Amino acid sequence: MFINSHTDGKKKRISPPPPSLCKAAAMIPGKRNGAAAACSSAGEKEQQEAIEHIDEVQNEIDRLNEQASEEILKVEQKYNKLRQPYFQKRSELIAKIPNFWVTTFVNHPQVSALLGEEDEEALHYLTRVEVTEFEDIKSGYRIDFYFDENPY
């Protein structure tokens, strides 16, 4: 807390009254006296300053978090592009395994609970599944299912 000095006009640091004086001043009945007001005012002012500083620090943290999110997004995009040849190779290998996708979906605990008998029959014609992440990864992805000619 800074107060102008009446003697030389320069700002000097003035501490709030000591806690013992604040307690004693608060105990005096009747009007609010100068010491009690100074204690209350100084304490409230310190709290307000602390809250303002907390807000400033939180804003800096938020800025860093946003910067980190942007950097993480760039890294994820980079590695998603690097993974593409491996996804392609894996897809080619999966194509060599008969009934791979129907077996995968039927044996998946959550997916199998959603499948009816006709769904399972249709899955016998599923030949390829592709997952494409949107450029802005935060927006999600698209899953494409490719089927051979089938009665469904």
N, C-alpha and C. Protein backbone atom coordinates (compact mmCIF):
# COMPACT_ATOMS: atom_id res chain seq x y z
N MET A 1 0.86 -1.17 0.00
CA MET A 1 0.00 0.00 0.00
C MET A 1 0.90 1.23 0.00
N PHE A 2 0.63 2.19 -0.88
CA PHE A 2 1.44 3.40 -0.96
C PHE A 2 0.57 4.61 -0.61
N ILE A 3 1.15 5.53 0.14
CA ILE A 3 0.44 6.77 0.52
C ILE A 3 1.39 7.92 0.31
N ASN A 4 0.87 9.04 -0.18
CA ASN A 4 1.70 10.24 -0.34
C ASN A 4 2.06 10.79 1.03
N SER A 5 3.31 11.10 1.21
CA SER A 5 3.77 11.71 2.45
C SER A 5 3.46 13.21 2.38
N HIS A 6 3.02 13.79 3.48
CA HIS A 6 2.70 15.21 3.50
C HIS A 6 3.96 16.06 3.60
N THR A 7 5.07 15.47 3.98
CA THR A 7 6.27 16.28 4.20
C THR A 7 7.07 16.47 2.92
N ASP A 8 7.32 15.39 2.16
CA ASP A 8 8.19 15.58 0.99
C ASP A 8 7.50 15.28 -0.35
N GLY A 9 6.25 14.82 -0.33
CA GLY A 9 5.51 14.57 -1.56
C GLY A 9 5.87 13.26 -2.25
N LYS A 10 6.83 12.50 -1.74
CA LYS A 10 7.21 11.22 -2.34
C LYS A 10 6.34 10.11 -1.77
N LYS A 11 6.16 9.08 -2.59
CA LYS A 11 5.38 7.93 -2.12
C LYS A 11 6.24 7.04 -1.24
N LYS A 12 5.66 6.65 -0.13
CA LYS A 12 6.35 5.76 0.79
C LYS A 12 5.46 4.56 1.08
N ARG A 13 6.07 3.43 1.29
CA ARG A 13 5.32 2.22 1.60
C ARG A 13 4.89 2.28 3.06
N ILE A 14 3.60 2.16 3.29
CA ILE A 14 3.05 2.18 4.64
C ILE A 14 2.38 0.83 4.88
N SER A 15 2.72 0.18 5.95
CA SER A 15 2.14 -1.11 6.28
C SER A 15 0.81 -0.90 6.98
N PRO A 16 -0.11 -1.87 6.85
CA PRO A 16 -1.36 -1.76 7.61
C PRO A 16 -1.06 -1.89 9.10
N PRO A 17 -1.99 -1.46 9.93
CA PRO A 17 -1.77 -1.57 11.38
C PRO A 17 -1.53 -3.02 11.77
N PRO A 18 -0.77 -3.25 12.85
CA PRO A 18 -0.52 -4.63 13.29
C PRO A 18 -1.82 -5.31 13.70
N PRO A 19 -1.90 -6.64 13.57
CA PRO A 19 -3.12 -7.36 13.90
C PRO A 19 -3.60 -7.11 15.33
N SER A 20 -2.68 -6.97 16.27
CA SER A 20 -3.10 -6.74 17.66
C SER A 20 -3.86 -5.43 17.79
N LEU A 21 -3.45 -4.38 17.08
CA LEU A 21 -4.16 -3.11 17.11
C LEU A 21 -5.51 -3.25 16.42
N CYS A 22 -5.57 -4.04 15.33
CA CYS A 22 -6.83 -4.25 14.64
C CYS A 22 -7.84 -4.94 15.55
N LYS A 23 -7.40 -5.98 16.28
CA LYS A 23 -8.31 -6.68 17.19
C LYS A 23 -8.78 -5.76 18.29
N ALA A 24 -7.88 -5.00 18.86
CA ALA A 24 -8.24 -4.09 19.95
C ALA A 24 -9.21 -3.03 19.45
N ALA A 25 -8.96 -2.49 18.27
CA ALA A 25 -9.82 -1.44 17.73
C ALA A 25 -11.20 -1.98 17.41
N ALA A 26 -11.27 -3.22 16.96
CA ALA A 26 -12.56 -3.82 16.62
C ALA A 26 -13.40 -4.07 17.86
N MET A 27 -12.78 -4.20 19.04
CA MET A 27 -13.50 -4.49 20.28
C MET A 27 -14.13 -3.24 20.89
N ILE A 28 -13.72 -2.09 20.46
CA ILE A 28 -14.25 -0.85 21.04
C ILE A 28 -15.67 -0.67 20.53
N PRO A 29 -16.65 -0.65 21.48
CA PRO A 29 -18.05 -0.51 21.07
C PRO A 29 -18.33 0.90 20.54
N GLY A 30 -19.47 1.00 19.84
CA GLY A 30 -19.88 2.31 19.36
C GLY A 30 -19.42 2.55 17.94
N LYS A 31 -19.10 3.79 17.65
CA LYS A 31 -18.70 4.18 16.30
C LYS A 31 -17.45 3.44 15.85
N ARG A 32 -17.37 3.32 14.56
CA ARG A 32 -16.17 2.73 13.98
C ARG A 32 -15.07 3.77 14.09
N ASN A 33 -14.01 3.42 14.79
CA ASN A 33 -12.95 4.40 14.97
C ASN A 33 -11.93 4.30 13.85
N GLY A 34 -11.01 5.20 13.79
CA GLY A 34 -10.02 5.28 12.72
C GLY A 34 -9.16 4.05 12.60
N ALA A 35 -8.71 3.50 13.73
CA ALA A 35 -7.84 2.32 13.69
C ALA A 35 -8.58 1.13 13.12
N ALA A 36 -9.84 0.94 13.55
CA ALA A 36 -10.63 -0.19 13.06
C ALA A 36 -10.89 -0.03 11.57
N ALA A 37 -11.19 1.18 11.13
CA ALA A 37 -11.44 1.44 9.71
C ALA A 37 -10.18 1.18 8.89
N ALA A 38 -9.03 1.59 9.42
CA ALA A 38 -7.77 1.37 8.72
C ALA A 38 -7.49 -0.11 8.58
N CYS A 39 -7.77 -0.87 9.65
CA CYS A 39 -7.54 -2.31 9.61
C CYS A 39 -8.44 -2.96 8.56
N SER A 40 -9.73 -2.62 8.61
CA SER A 40 -10.69 -3.20 7.69
C SER A 40 -10.35 -2.79 6.26
N SER A 41 -10.09 -1.53 6.07
CA SER A 41 -9.78 -1.01 4.75
C SER A 41 -8.50 -1.63 4.19
N ALA A 42 -7.48 -1.73 5.04
CA ALA A 42 -6.21 -2.30 4.59
C ALA A 42 -6.38 -3.78 4.25
N GLY A 43 -7.12 -4.50 5.08
CA GLY A 43 -7.33 -5.93 4.84
C GLY A 43 -8.13 -6.17 3.58
N GLU A 44 -9.19 -5.39 3.40
CA GLU A 44 -10.01 -5.53 2.20
C GLU A 44 -9.23 -5.18 0.95
N LYS A 45 -8.42 -4.14 1.06
CA LYS A 45 -7.61 -3.70 -0.09
C LYS A 45 -6.59 -4.78 -0.46
N GLU A 46 -5.96 -5.37 0.56
CA GLU A 46 -4.98 -6.45 0.30
C GLU A 46 -5.67 -7.64 -0.36
N GLN A 47 -6.86 -7.97 0.13
CA GLN A 47 -7.60 -9.09 -0.45
C GLN A 47 -7.97 -8.79 -1.91
N GLN A 48 -8.43 -7.57 -2.16
CA GLN A 48 -8.80 -7.19 -3.52
C GLN A 48 -7.58 -7.24 -4.44
N GLU A 49 -6.44 -6.76 -3.96
CA GLU A 49 -5.22 -6.81 -4.75
C GLU A 49 -4.81 -8.26 -5.01
N ALA A 50 -4.95 -9.11 -3.99
CA ALA A 50 -4.61 -10.53 -4.17
C ALA A 50 -5.52 -11.16 -5.21
N ILE A 51 -6.81 -10.84 -5.16
CA ILE A 51 -7.76 -11.39 -6.14
C ILE A 51 -7.40 -10.92 -7.54
N GLU A 52 -7.04 -9.66 -7.68
CA GLU A 52 -6.65 -9.14 -8.99
C GLU A 52 -5.39 -9.83 -9.51
N HIS A 53 -4.44 -10.08 -8.60
CA HIS A 53 -3.21 -10.78 -9.01
C HIS A 53 -3.50 -12.23 -9.38
N ILE A 54 -4.40 -12.87 -8.63
CA ILE A 54 -4.79 -14.24 -8.96
C ILE A 54 -5.39 -14.27 -10.36
N ASP A 55 -6.25 -13.30 -10.66
CA ASP A 55 -6.87 -13.23 -11.98
C ASP A 55 -5.82 -13.05 -13.08
N GLU A 56 -4.83 -12.20 -12.84
CA GLU A 56 -3.76 -11.99 -13.81
C GLU A 56 -2.97 -13.28 -14.03
N VAL A 57 -2.64 -13.96 -12.94
CA VAL A 57 -1.88 -15.21 -13.04
C VAL A 57 -2.71 -16.26 -13.78
N GLN A 58 -4.02 -16.33 -13.47
CA GLN A 58 -4.87 -17.30 -14.15
C GLN A 58 -4.95 -17.00 -15.64
N ASN A 59 -4.98 -15.73 -16.01
CA ASN A 59 -4.99 -15.36 -17.43
C ASN A 59 -3.72 -15.84 -18.12
N GLU A 60 -2.58 -15.74 -17.45
CA GLU A 60 -1.32 -16.23 -18.01
C GLU A 60 -1.36 -17.76 -18.17
N ILE A 61 -1.92 -18.44 -17.18
CA ILE A 61 -2.05 -19.90 -17.26
C ILE A 61 -2.95 -20.26 -18.44
N ASP A 62 -4.07 -19.55 -18.59
CA ASP A 62 -4.98 -19.80 -19.70
C ASP A 62 -4.30 -19.59 -21.04
N ARG A 63 -3.49 -18.53 -21.15
CA ARG A 63 -2.75 -18.28 -22.39
C ARG A 63 -1.78 -19.43 -22.69
N LEU A 64 -1.09 -19.90 -21.67
CA LEU A 64 -0.16 -21.02 -21.87
C LEU A 64 -0.91 -22.29 -22.26
N ASN A 65 -2.06 -22.53 -21.63
CA ASN A 65 -2.85 -23.72 -21.96
C ASN A 65 -3.33 -23.67 -23.40
N GLU A 66 -3.74 -22.49 -23.85
CA GLU A 66 -4.18 -22.34 -25.24
C GLU A 66 -3.00 -22.58 -26.19
N GLN A 67 -1.84 -22.03 -25.84
CA GLN A 67 -0.65 -22.23 -26.66
C GLN A 67 -0.29 -23.73 -26.70
N ALA A 68 -0.38 -24.39 -25.55
CA ALA A 68 -0.08 -25.82 -25.49
C ALA A 68 -1.06 -26.60 -26.37
N SER A 69 -2.34 -26.26 -26.31
CA SER A 69 -3.34 -26.94 -27.13
C SER A 69 -3.03 -26.81 -28.61
N GLU A 70 -2.62 -25.62 -29.02
CA GLU A 70 -2.28 -25.41 -30.43
C GLU A 70 -1.07 -26.24 -30.82
N GLU A 71 -0.06 -26.30 -29.95
CA GLU A 71 1.14 -27.09 -30.25
C GLU A 71 0.81 -28.58 -30.29
N ILE A 72 -0.01 -29.04 -29.36
CA ILE A 72 -0.41 -30.45 -29.31
C ILE A 72 -1.17 -30.81 -30.58
N LEU A 73 -2.07 -29.92 -31.02
CA LEU A 73 -2.83 -30.15 -32.24
C LEU A 73 -1.90 -30.32 -33.43
N LYS A 74 -0.88 -29.47 -33.52
CA LYS A 74 0.09 -29.57 -34.63
C LYS A 74 0.82 -30.90 -34.60
N VAL A 75 1.22 -31.34 -33.41
CA VAL A 75 1.93 -32.61 -33.27
C VAL A 75 1.01 -33.77 -33.66
N GLU A 76 -0.24 -33.73 -33.20
CA GLU A 76 -1.19 -34.79 -33.54
C GLU A 76 -1.41 -34.86 -35.05
N GLN A 77 -1.56 -33.70 -35.68
CA GLN A 77 -1.74 -33.68 -37.13
C GLN A 77 -0.52 -34.25 -37.85
N LYS A 78 0.65 -33.88 -37.39
CA LYS A 78 1.89 -34.38 -37.99
C LYS A 78 1.94 -35.91 -37.92
N TYR A 79 1.68 -36.46 -36.74
CA TYR A 79 1.79 -37.90 -36.58
C TYR A 79 0.64 -38.66 -37.24
N ASN A 80 -0.52 -38.03 -37.35
CA ASN A 80 -1.60 -38.67 -38.10
C ASN A 80 -1.20 -38.85 -39.56
N LYS A 81 -0.52 -37.87 -40.12
CA LYS A 81 -0.04 -37.99 -41.50
C LYS A 81 1.04 -39.07 -41.60
N LEU A 82 1.92 -39.13 -40.61
CA LEU A 82 2.98 -40.15 -40.63
C LEU A 82 2.41 -41.56 -40.48
N ARG A 83 1.26 -41.70 -39.81
CA ARG A 83 0.65 -43.02 -39.60
C ARG A 83 -0.04 -43.56 -40.85
N GLN A 84 -0.41 -42.69 -41.77
CA GLN A 84 -1.21 -43.09 -42.92
C GLN A 84 -0.64 -44.29 -43.70
N PRO A 85 0.63 -44.30 -44.02
CA PRO A 85 1.15 -45.48 -44.75
C PRO A 85 0.98 -46.79 -43.96
N TYR A 86 1.09 -46.70 -42.65
CA TYR A 86 0.94 -47.90 -41.81
C TYR A 86 -0.52 -48.34 -41.78
N PHE A 87 -1.44 -47.37 -41.72
CA PHE A 87 -2.86 -47.71 -41.77
C PHE A 87 -3.19 -48.39 -43.09
N GLN A 88 -2.61 -47.89 -44.17
CA GLN A 88 -2.84 -48.46 -45.50
C GLN A 88 -2.31 -49.90 -45.55
N LYS A 89 -1.11 -50.10 -45.06
CA LYS A 89 -0.52 -51.44 -45.06
C LYS A 89 -1.35 -52.40 -44.20
N ARG A 90 -1.79 -51.92 -43.05
CA ARG A 90 -2.62 -52.76 -42.17
C ARG A 90 -3.92 -53.13 -42.88
N SER A 91 -4.51 -52.17 -43.57
CA SER A 91 -5.75 -52.43 -44.30
C SER A 91 -5.55 -53.51 -45.38
N GLU A 92 -4.43 -53.43 -46.06
CA GLU A 92 -4.12 -54.44 -47.09
C GLU A 92 -3.97 -55.83 -46.46
N LEU A 93 -3.34 -55.90 -45.30
CA LEU A 93 -3.17 -57.19 -44.62
C LEU A 93 -4.50 -57.74 -44.11
N ILE A 94 -5.33 -56.85 -43.58
CA ILE A 94 -6.65 -57.27 -43.09
C ILE A 94 -7.48 -57.84 -44.22
N ALA A 95 -7.37 -57.26 -45.42
CA ALA A 95 -8.15 -57.72 -46.58
C ALA A 95 -7.85 -59.18 -46.92
N LYS A 96 -6.71 -59.68 -46.50
CA LYS A 96 -6.33 -61.07 -46.79
C LYS A 96 -6.96 -62.07 -45.81
N ILE A 97 -7.61 -61.56 -44.78
CA ILE A 97 -8.20 -62.44 -43.76
C ILE A 97 -9.72 -62.50 -43.98
N PRO A 98 -10.23 -63.68 -44.37
CA PRO A 98 -11.68 -63.80 -44.61
C PRO A 98 -12.49 -63.50 -43.34
N ASN A 99 -13.57 -62.78 -43.50
CA ASN A 99 -14.52 -62.46 -42.41
C ASN A 99 -13.89 -61.70 -41.24
N PHE A 100 -12.81 -60.99 -41.51
CA PHE A 100 -12.14 -60.25 -40.43
C PHE A 100 -13.08 -59.30 -39.71
N TRP A 101 -13.79 -58.46 -40.49
CA TRP A 101 -14.60 -57.41 -39.86
C TRP A 101 -15.82 -57.96 -39.14
N VAL A 102 -16.48 -58.93 -39.73
CA VAL A 102 -17.64 -59.50 -39.04
C VAL A 102 -17.19 -60.16 -37.73
N THR A 103 -16.06 -60.84 -37.76
CA THR A 103 -15.53 -61.47 -36.55
C THR A 103 -15.17 -60.42 -35.50
N THR A 104 -14.57 -59.34 -35.96
CA THR A 104 -14.18 -58.26 -35.04
C THR A 104 -15.39 -57.64 -34.36
N PHE A 105 -16.41 -57.30 -35.15
CA PHE A 105 -17.59 -56.63 -34.57
C PHE A 105 -18.41 -57.58 -33.70
N VAL A 106 -18.55 -58.81 -34.11
CA VAL A 106 -19.34 -59.78 -33.33
C VAL A 106 -18.65 -60.09 -32.00
N ASN A 107 -17.32 -60.02 -31.97
CA ASN A 107 -16.59 -60.33 -30.74
C ASN A 107 -16.30 -59.10 -29.86
N HIS A 108 -16.72 -57.94 -30.33
CA HIS A 108 -16.53 -56.73 -29.52
C HIS A 108 -17.68 -56.63 -28.52
N PRO A 109 -17.39 -56.50 -27.22
CA PRO A 109 -18.46 -56.54 -26.21
C PRO A 109 -19.53 -55.45 -26.38
N GLN A 110 -19.16 -54.24 -26.67
CA GLN A 110 -20.17 -53.18 -26.81
C GLN A 110 -20.85 -53.22 -28.18
N VAL A 111 -20.08 -53.40 -29.24
CA VAL A 111 -20.66 -53.39 -30.59
C VAL A 111 -21.58 -54.58 -30.78
N SER A 112 -21.17 -55.75 -30.32
CA SER A 112 -21.99 -56.95 -30.53
C SER A 112 -23.36 -56.82 -29.87
N ALA A 113 -23.45 -56.07 -28.78
CA ALA A 113 -24.73 -55.86 -28.10
C ALA A 113 -25.69 -55.05 -28.97
N LEU A 114 -25.18 -54.32 -29.93
CA LEU A 114 -26.00 -53.48 -30.80
C LEU A 114 -26.43 -54.18 -32.09
N LEU A 115 -25.80 -55.30 -32.37
CA LEU A 115 -26.02 -55.98 -33.65
C LEU A 115 -27.18 -56.96 -33.60
N GLY A 116 -28.02 -56.87 -34.62
CA GLY A 116 -29.07 -57.87 -34.80
C GLY A 116 -28.58 -58.94 -35.74
N GLU A 117 -29.42 -59.94 -35.95
CA GLU A 117 -29.04 -61.06 -36.81
C GLU A 117 -28.79 -60.60 -38.26
N GLU A 118 -29.64 -59.70 -38.75
CA GLU A 118 -29.49 -59.20 -40.12
C GLU A 118 -28.23 -58.33 -40.25
N ASP A 119 -27.91 -57.57 -39.19
CA ASP A 119 -26.68 -56.77 -39.21
C ASP A 119 -25.47 -57.67 -39.35
N GLU A 120 -25.49 -58.74 -38.58
CA GLU A 120 -24.36 -59.67 -38.62
C GLU A 120 -24.22 -60.29 -40.00
N GLU A 121 -25.33 -60.61 -40.63
CA GLU A 121 -25.28 -61.17 -41.98
C GLU A 121 -24.71 -60.14 -42.96
N ALA A 122 -25.10 -58.89 -42.82
CA ALA A 122 -24.60 -57.83 -43.71
C ALA A 122 -23.11 -57.61 -43.51
N LEU A 123 -22.63 -57.77 -42.29
CA LEU A 123 -21.21 -57.56 -41.99
C LEU A 123 -20.31 -58.57 -42.70
N HIS A 124 -20.86 -59.67 -43.16
CA HIS A 124 -20.07 -60.64 -43.92
C HIS A 124 -19.58 -60.03 -45.23
N TYR A 125 -20.22 -58.96 -45.68
CA TYR A 125 -19.85 -58.30 -46.93
C TYR A 125 -18.93 -57.09 -46.71
N LEU A 126 -18.66 -56.78 -45.46
CA LEU A 126 -17.80 -55.63 -45.14
C LEU A 126 -16.35 -55.99 -45.48
N THR A 127 -15.74 -55.18 -46.33
CA THR A 127 -14.38 -55.49 -46.78
C THR A 127 -13.33 -54.53 -46.23
N ARG A 128 -13.75 -53.31 -45.89
CA ARG A 128 -12.76 -52.33 -45.45
C ARG A 128 -13.43 -51.27 -44.57
N VAL A 129 -12.69 -50.82 -43.55
CA VAL A 129 -13.13 -49.72 -42.69
C VAL A 129 -12.01 -48.69 -42.69
N GLU A 130 -12.38 -47.43 -42.95
CA GLU A 130 -11.39 -46.35 -42.93
C GLU A 130 -11.84 -45.27 -41.95
N VAL A 131 -10.90 -44.81 -41.15
CA VAL A 131 -11.16 -43.70 -40.24
C VAL A 131 -10.35 -42.52 -40.75
N THR A 132 -11.06 -41.41 -40.99
CA THR A 132 -10.40 -40.20 -41.47
C THR A 132 -10.61 -39.10 -40.44
N GLU A 133 -9.50 -38.63 -39.88
CA GLU A 133 -9.58 -37.52 -38.93
C GLU A 133 -9.76 -36.23 -39.70
N PHE A 134 -10.62 -35.35 -39.21
CA PHE A 134 -10.78 -34.04 -39.84
C PHE A 134 -9.51 -33.23 -39.60
N GLU A 135 -9.25 -32.27 -40.50
CA GLU A 135 -8.05 -31.44 -40.39
C GLU A 135 -7.95 -30.81 -39.01
N ASP A 136 -9.09 -30.30 -38.53
CA ASP A 136 -9.14 -29.78 -37.16
C ASP A 136 -9.56 -30.96 -36.29
N ILE A 137 -8.61 -31.62 -35.69
CA ILE A 137 -8.85 -32.85 -34.94
C ILE A 137 -9.94 -32.67 -33.89
N LYS A 138 -10.08 -31.46 -33.38
CA LYS A 138 -11.10 -31.19 -32.36
C LYS A 138 -12.51 -31.43 -32.91
N SER A 139 -12.66 -31.37 -34.24
CA SER A 139 -13.97 -31.53 -34.86
C SER A 139 -14.36 -32.99 -35.00
N GLY A 140 -13.43 -33.90 -34.80
CA GLY A 140 -13.76 -35.32 -34.84
C GLY A 140 -13.17 -36.05 -36.03
N TYR A 141 -13.91 -37.08 -36.47
CA TYR A 141 -13.43 -37.95 -37.53
C TYR A 141 -14.63 -38.55 -38.26
N ARG A 142 -14.33 -39.20 -39.38
CA ARG A 142 -15.36 -39.86 -40.18
C ARG A 142 -14.95 -41.33 -40.32
N ILE A 143 -15.93 -42.21 -40.21
CA ILE A 143 -15.67 -43.64 -40.42
C ILE A 143 -16.42 -44.07 -41.67
N ASP A 144 -15.67 -44.61 -42.63
CA ASP A 144 -16.27 -45.11 -43.88
C ASP A 144 -16.22 -46.63 -43.86
N PHE A 145 -17.36 -47.24 -44.18
CA PHE A 145 -17.47 -48.70 -44.28
C PHE A 145 -17.64 -49.05 -45.76
N TYR A 146 -16.83 -50.00 -46.24
CA TYR A 146 -16.89 -50.43 -47.63
C TYR A 146 -17.36 -51.88 -47.68
N PHE A 147 -18.39 -52.13 -48.53
CA PHE A 147 -18.97 -53.45 -48.63
C PHE A 147 -18.87 -53.97 -50.05
N ASP A 148 -18.72 -55.29 -50.17
CA ASP A 148 -18.87 -55.92 -51.48
C ASP A 148 -20.34 -55.85 -51.87
N GLU A 149 -20.63 -56.10 -53.14
CA GLU A 149 -22.02 -56.18 -53.60
C GLU A 149 -22.75 -57.16 -52.70
N ASN A 150 -23.96 -56.76 -52.26
CA ASN A 150 -24.69 -57.60 -51.31
C ASN A 150 -26.19 -57.35 -51.43
N PRO A 151 -27.00 -58.27 -50.88
CA PRO A 151 -28.45 -58.13 -50.96
C PRO A 151 -29.02 -57.09 -49.97
N TYR A 152 -28.19 -56.48 -49.19
CA TYR A 152 -28.68 -55.53 -48.19
C TYR A 152 -28.50 -54.14 -48.69
